[in-house]
Each structure stands twice: as C-alpha cells, then as structure tokens.
C-alpha cells in the first residue's frame, strides 16, 4: 500500500511523522506546488494521500483510481471536504470521521 505525504515541510522540525501502519511505500514531499498536474503525478499510485495545506479537488480524485483515503492533518476542512461535498464524482460513498485533541484529524474515505 502506498501513502503520499504532499507537504510534510509544513510541520516543525523534530515532529515525528512516521509511515502509517500497514503502508509499505511511504513517499514524502516537503512541499507540493498548487499545480494539478504535479499533484496528480505525485499521487497517481497512492492508496492514501496525506495533506496539510495542499487542496485536493474532485477533478483530481477522478484521475486517481487507486485512492482510498485522504488524511487531512489541517485544523480546517477547506483542503478537500468542501469541493467533494458538492461533487458527484465519488466512486462509492464518502465517510467523514473527525476526532479532536490538540488539532483536528479528518479522514475522508473513498471506498
């Protein structure tokens, strides 16, 4: 299973951000430009996308057939939830699970 962290550099140095359990191929980028082609290229084989600030829209998800989960590490949800909420391109269903500690972790499942 492949996970791609698109903007690991948005976190402070020294914060441990290991590969999720069960992920055999963990690719991290310090920064990803706001370029749809670059985002799609980096995520084309990903089962999981991890993002803090990079916006993932419905038009991108349509082009990522392996994608099963978008893990938002941000405190806001405009990164991908809003565009998906008004979209009709979801492959099956959307499940939103939120839990809060110091920050909000949001899981967007596409299964």
Foldseek 3Di string as FASTA:
>chain_A
DEEEEAAPLVDDPPDDDDDPPPHPHYHYDNHDDQDLVRVLVRQQAPQEYEYAAAADAPVSVLNRVNHFKYKYPYQDDRRYPVRVVPDPNQPPDWDWDWDDDPGIIIMTGRD
